[in-house]
Amino acid sequence: MPELVRLVGGDLPDLLALERAGQPHPWSERQLADALEDEAARVRGVRDGETLLGQAIVYRLPFEAELQAITVSPRARRRGLARRLLESVVETARGWGSERLLLEVRAGNAPALALYRAAGFTEDGRRRGYYPGVAGAPREDAVLMSLALAPPAEMA
C-alpha cells in the first residue's frame, strides 16, 4: 500500500518529475525547492516504494492554511491518493491551529471539485479568467473554496 511521507530537499527530482507529468502548468524547480525549504510549508507525498505517486503542498498563514497544490501521477489516479493527501493536509492545518483551510481550483476540474466538496469545502467566490487556457482553450475561472477547521482537541 502506498505510504504517506513528508517530502524533503532530496525529493526534489521526483517532485519535479511528478509535476511535469501530472500538470499542464507545472510548478518550476525553484518554486518546488522553495516549498521544500520553507518552514511555513509542508510538502506531503505518497510513495509506492521508490516511486512518488502524488504530492500536496500546504502553507501556514497567520490564521489560516492554504492548499497550494495536489498532484497525482496520471497513471495512479482514481485510487484515492488525492483524498489521502487532502486528509493529511487537513490534519496538518488543524495541528497548526488554523481556523480555515483555503484553496483555489480550476472551474473545469470536475474531479478536484468533487473531492473538495465531498471533504466539506464550500465555494467562497471566483476569480474570472484567472488560469491560462490549456491547449488553446480560453482562460478559466478559479473557484475559491474553504473548509472551517475545528481547533485540535488539546486547544479546545
C-alpha atoms as a PDB file:
ATOM      1  CA  MET A   1       0.000   0.000   0.000  1.00  0.00           C
ATOM      2  CA  PRO A   2       1.379   3.471  -0.846  1.00  0.00           C
ATOM      3  CA  GLU A   3       2.799   5.347   2.143  1.00  0.00           C
ATOM      4  CA  LEU A   4       2.235   9.000   3.129  1.00  0.00           C
ATOM      5  CA  VAL A   5       5.547  10.770   3.777  1.00  0.00           C
ATOM      6  CA  ARG A   6       6.872  14.275   4.321  1.00  0.00           C
ATOM      7  CA  LEU A   7       8.969  15.304   1.333  1.00  0.00           C
ATOM      8  CA  VAL A   8      12.329  16.997   1.869  1.00  0.00           C
ATOM      9  CA  GLY A   9      15.057  18.577  -0.271  1.00  0.00           C
ATOM     10  CA  GLY A  10      16.373  15.252  -1.566  1.00  0.00           C
ATOM     11  CA  ASP A  11      12.934  14.527  -3.026  1.00  0.00           C
ATOM     12  CA  LEU A  12      13.124  17.484  -5.431  1.00  0.00           C
ATOM     13  CA  PRO A  13      13.948  15.442  -8.585  1.00  0.00           C
ATOM     14  CA  ASP A  14      10.978  13.102  -8.011  1.00  0.00           C
ATOM     15  CA  LEU A  15       8.715  16.029  -7.162  1.00  0.00           C
ATOM     16  CA  LEU A  16       9.723  17.898 -10.316  1.00  0.00           C
ATOM     17  CA  ALA A  17       9.148  14.811 -12.488  1.00  0.00           C
ATOM     18  CA  LEU A  18       5.696  14.295 -10.942  1.00  0.00           C
ATOM     19  CA  GLU A  19       4.740  17.933 -11.572  1.00  0.00           C
ATOM     20  CA  ARG A  20       5.853  17.773 -15.189  1.00  0.00           C
ATOM     21  CA  ALA A  21       3.956  14.517 -15.807  1.00  0.00           C
ATOM     22  CA  GLY A  22       0.775  15.482 -13.969  1.00  0.00           C
ATOM     23  CA  GLN A  23       0.149  19.193 -14.566  1.00  0.00           C
ATOM     24  CA  PRO A  24      -0.490  21.247 -17.704  1.00  0.00           C
ATOM     25  CA  HIS A  25       1.211  24.220 -15.979  1.00  0.00           C
ATOM     26  CA  PRO A  26       3.695  22.637 -13.526  1.00  0.00           C
ATOM     27  CA  TRP A  27       5.498  24.451 -10.767  1.00  0.00           C
ATOM     28  CA  SER A  28       9.077  25.387 -11.575  1.00  0.00           C
ATOM     29  CA  GLU A  29      12.057  23.691  -9.975  1.00  0.00           C
ATOM     30  CA  ARG A  30      12.710  26.870  -7.959  1.00  0.00           C
ATOM     31  CA  GLN A  31       9.113  27.034  -6.688  1.00  0.00           C
ATOM     32  CA  LEU A  32       9.239  23.407  -5.582  1.00  0.00           C
ATOM     33  CA  ALA A  33      12.647  23.842  -3.936  1.00  0.00           C
ATOM     34  CA  ASP A  34      11.373  26.907  -2.090  1.00  0.00           C
ATOM     35  CA  ALA A  35       8.333  24.972  -0.803  1.00  0.00           C
ATOM     36  CA  LEU A  36      10.573  22.153   0.435  1.00  0.00           C
ATOM     37  CA  GLU A  37      12.796  24.646   2.291  1.00  0.00           C
ATOM     38  CA  ASP A  38      10.110  26.995   3.673  1.00  0.00           C
ATOM     39  CA  GLU A  39       9.378  26.485   7.375  1.00  0.00           C
ATOM     40  CA  ALA A  40       5.815  27.710   6.785  1.00  0.00           C
ATOM     41  CA  ALA A  41       5.161  24.937   4.240  1.00  0.00           C
ATOM     42  CA  ARG A  42       4.613  21.215   4.398  1.00  0.00           C
ATOM     43  CA  VAL A  43       5.066  19.075   1.311  1.00  0.00           C
ATOM     44  CA  ARG A  44       3.436  15.679   1.693  1.00  0.00           C
ATOM     45  CA  GLY A  45       3.904  12.814  -0.710  1.00  0.00           C
ATOM     46  CA  VAL A  46       2.518   9.387  -1.429  1.00  0.00           C
ATOM     47  CA  ARG A  47       5.189   6.841  -2.300  1.00  0.00           C
ATOM     48  CA  ASP A  48       4.894   3.293  -3.507  1.00  0.00           C
ATOM     49  CA  GLY A  49       8.389   2.058  -2.754  1.00  0.00           C
ATOM     50  CA  GLU A  50      10.725   4.467  -4.512  1.00  0.00           C
ATOM     51  CA  THR A  51       8.009   5.858  -6.812  1.00  0.00           C
ATOM     52  CA  LEU A  52       6.397   9.184  -5.952  1.00  0.00           C
ATOM     53  CA  LEU A  53       2.744   8.875  -6.959  1.00  0.00           C
ATOM     54  CA  GLY A  54       1.367  12.132  -5.575  1.00  0.00           C
ATOM     55  CA  GLN A  55       2.120  15.279  -3.615  1.00  0.00           C
ATOM     56  CA  ALA A  56       0.376  18.086  -1.758  1.00  0.00           C
ATOM     57  CA  ILE A  57       1.774  21.473  -0.729  1.00  0.00           C
ATOM     58  CA  VAL A  58       0.191  23.463   2.096  1.00  0.00           C
ATOM     59  CA  TYR A  59       1.336  26.770   3.604  1.00  0.00           C
ATOM     60  CA  ARG A  60       0.722  28.059   7.106  1.00  0.00           C
ATOM     61  CA  LEU A  61      -0.659  31.612   7.202  1.00  0.00           C
ATOM     62  CA  PRO A  62      -1.237  33.731  10.334  1.00  0.00           C
ATOM     63  CA  PHE A  63      -4.786  32.425  10.967  1.00  0.00           C
ATOM     64  CA  GLU A  64      -5.407  30.059   8.080  1.00  0.00           C
ATOM     65  CA  ALA A  65      -3.663  27.497   5.917  1.00  0.00           C
ATOM     66  CA  GLU A  66      -3.680  27.408   2.131  1.00  0.00           C
ATOM     67  CA  LEU A  67      -3.522  24.311  -0.024  1.00  0.00           C
ATOM     68  CA  GLN A  68      -1.313  25.342  -2.919  1.00  0.00           C
ATOM     69  CA  ALA A  69      -1.288  22.127  -4.932  1.00  0.00           C
ATOM     70  CA  ILE A  70      -2.268  18.497  -5.119  1.00  0.00           C
ATOM     71  CA  THR A  71      -0.842  16.443  -7.962  1.00  0.00           C
ATOM     72  CA  VAL A  72      -1.304  12.731  -8.592  1.00  0.00           C
ATOM     73  CA  SER A  73       0.524  10.898 -11.339  1.00  0.00           C
ATOM     74  CA  PRO A  74      -1.804  10.282 -14.296  1.00  0.00           C
ATOM     75  CA  ARG A  75      -1.151   6.532 -14.022  1.00  0.00           C
ATOM     76  CA  ALA A  76      -2.097   6.485 -10.314  1.00  0.00           C
ATOM     77  CA  ARG A  77      -5.358   8.451 -10.451  1.00  0.00           C
ATOM     78  CA  ARG A  78      -8.742   7.143  -9.288  1.00  0.00           C
ATOM     79  CA  ARG A  79      -7.144   5.191  -6.430  1.00  0.00           C
ATOM     80  CA  GLY A  80      -7.982   7.558  -3.560  1.00  0.00           C
ATOM     81  CA  LEU A  81      -4.500   9.080  -3.345  1.00  0.00           C
ATOM     82  CA  ALA A  82      -5.693  12.691  -3.684  1.00  0.00           C
ATOM     83  CA  ARG A  83      -8.214  12.060  -0.893  1.00  0.00           C
ATOM     84  CA  ARG A  84      -5.439  10.661   1.342  1.00  0.00           C
ATOM     85  CA  LEU A  85      -3.247  13.663   0.591  1.00  0.00           C
ATOM     86  CA  LEU A  86      -6.117  16.063   1.296  1.00  0.00           C
ATOM     87  CA  GLU A  87      -6.846  14.347   4.621  1.00  0.00           C
ATOM     88  CA  SER A  88      -3.167  14.751   5.532  1.00  0.00           C
ATOM     89  CA  VAL A  89      -3.277  18.445   4.627  1.00  0.00           C
ATOM     90  CA  VAL A  90      -6.407  18.970   6.755  1.00  0.00           C
ATOM     91  CA  GLU A  91      -4.699  17.201   9.667  1.00  0.00           C
ATOM     92  CA  THR A  92      -1.598  19.390   9.243  1.00  0.00           C
ATOM     93  CA  ALA A  93      -3.665  22.593   9.164  1.00  0.00           C
ATOM     94  CA  ARG A  94      -5.591  21.529  12.269  1.00  0.00           C
ATOM     95  CA  GLY A  95      -2.307  20.773  14.015  1.00  0.00           C
ATOM     96  CA  TRP A  96      -1.165  24.316  13.248  1.00  0.00           C
ATOM     97  CA  GLY A  97      -4.359  25.646  14.853  1.00  0.00           C
ATOM     98  CA  SER A  98      -5.536  27.146  11.560  1.00  0.00           C
ATOM     99  CA  GLU A  99      -9.106  28.447  11.544  1.00  0.00           C
ATOM    100  CA  ARG A 100      -9.736  27.617   7.866  1.00  0.00           C
ATOM    101  CA  LEU A 101      -8.122  25.774   5.015  1.00  0.00           C
ATOM    102  CA  LEU A 102      -8.238  27.739   1.761  1.00  0.00           C
ATOM    103  CA  LEU A 103      -7.717  26.626  -1.832  1.00  0.00           C
ATOM    104  CA  GLU A 104      -8.457  27.563  -5.406  1.00  0.00           C
ATOM    105  CA  VAL A 105      -9.128  25.179  -8.245  1.00  0.00           C
ATOM    106  CA  ARG A 106      -9.820  25.421 -11.968  1.00  0.00           C
ATOM    107  CA  ALA A 107     -13.563  25.654 -12.576  1.00  0.00           C
ATOM    108  CA  GLY A 108     -13.284  22.889 -15.184  1.00  0.00           C
ATOM    109  CA  ASN A 109     -11.510  20.426 -12.880  1.00  0.00           C
ATOM    110  CA  ALA A 110     -14.602  18.342 -12.034  1.00  0.00           C
ATOM    111  CA  PRO A 111     -12.731  15.529 -10.197  1.00  0.00           C
ATOM    112  CA  ALA A 112     -10.987  18.023  -7.891  1.00  0.00           C
ATOM    113  CA  LEU A 113     -14.193  19.971  -7.254  1.00  0.00           C
ATOM    114  CA  ALA A 114     -15.979  16.731  -6.355  1.00  0.00           C
ATOM    115  CA  LEU A 115     -13.132  15.757  -3.993  1.00  0.00           C
ATOM    116  CA  TYR A 116     -13.167  19.108  -2.221  1.00  0.00           C
ATOM    117  CA  ARG A 117     -16.954  19.229  -1.921  1.00  0.00           C
ATOM    118  CA  ALA A 118     -17.026  15.675  -0.535  1.00  0.00           C
ATOM    119  CA  ALA A 119     -14.454  16.772   2.073  1.00  0.00           C
ATOM    120  CA  GLY A 120     -16.745  19.617   3.195  1.00  0.00           C
ATOM    121  CA  PHE A 121     -15.234  22.571   1.350  1.00  0.00           C
ATOM    122  CA  THR A 122     -17.636  25.315   0.291  1.00  0.00           C
ATOM    123  CA  GLU A 123     -17.333  27.767  -2.585  1.00  0.00           C
ATOM    124  CA  ASP A 124     -16.480  31.293  -1.436  1.00  0.00           C
ATOM    125  CA  GLY A 125     -16.190  33.009  -4.805  1.00  0.00           C
ATOM    126  CA  ARG A 126     -14.486  33.036  -8.199  1.00  0.00           C
ATOM    127  CA  ARG A 127     -11.628  34.767  -9.941  1.00  0.00           C
ATOM    128  CA  ARG A 128     -12.826  35.236 -13.514  1.00  0.00           C
ATOM    129  CA  GLY A 129     -10.341  34.218 -16.209  1.00  0.00           C
ATOM    130  CA  TYR A 130      -7.611  33.536 -13.653  1.00  0.00           C
ATOM    131  CA  TYR A 131      -5.997  30.434 -15.182  1.00  0.00           C
ATOM    132  CA  PRO A 132      -4.432  30.324 -18.647  1.00  0.00           C
ATOM    133  CA  GLY A 133      -6.221  28.044 -21.081  1.00  0.00           C
ATOM    134  CA  VAL A 134      -4.871  24.573 -21.783  1.00  0.00           C
ATOM    135  CA  ALA A 135      -4.098  23.600 -25.403  1.00  0.00           C
ATOM    136  CA  GLY A 136      -5.537  26.804 -26.872  1.00  0.00           C
ATOM    137  CA  ALA A 137      -8.702  26.809 -24.747  1.00  0.00           C
ATOM    138  CA  PRO A 138      -9.915  30.127 -23.296  1.00  0.00           C
ATOM    139  CA  ARG A 139      -8.838  31.279 -19.849  1.00  0.00           C
ATOM    140  CA  GLU A 140     -10.548  29.529 -16.970  1.00  0.00           C
ATOM    141  CA  ASP A 141     -12.076  30.754 -13.712  1.00  0.00           C
ATOM    142  CA  ALA A 142     -10.550  29.897 -10.350  1.00  0.00           C
ATOM    143  CA  VAL A 143     -13.074  28.609  -7.816  1.00  0.00           C
ATOM    144  CA  LEU A 144     -12.177  29.831  -4.305  1.00  0.00           C
ATOM    145  CA  MET A 145     -13.072  27.325  -1.595  1.00  0.00           C
ATOM    146  CA  SER A 146     -12.603  26.951   2.145  1.00  0.00           C
ATOM    147  CA  LEU A 147     -13.089  24.466   4.944  1.00  0.00           C
ATOM    148  CA  ALA A 148     -13.738  25.647   8.506  1.00  0.00           C
ATOM    149  CA  LEU A 149     -11.432  23.802  10.901  1.00  0.00           C
ATOM    150  CA  ALA A 150     -12.218  22.989  14.492  1.00  0.00           C
ATOM    151  CA  PRO A 151      -9.301  23.569  16.838  1.00  0.00           C
ATOM    152  CA  PRO A 152      -7.321  20.474  17.882  1.00  0.00           C
ATOM    153  CA  ALA A 153      -8.727  18.758  20.982  1.00  0.00           C
ATOM    154  CA  GLU A 154      -5.829  19.908  23.159  1.00  0.00           C
ATOM    155  CA  MET A 155      -6.553  23.545  22.228  1.00  0.00           C
ATOM    156  CA  ALA A 156     -10.340  23.375  22.720  1.00  0.00           C
END
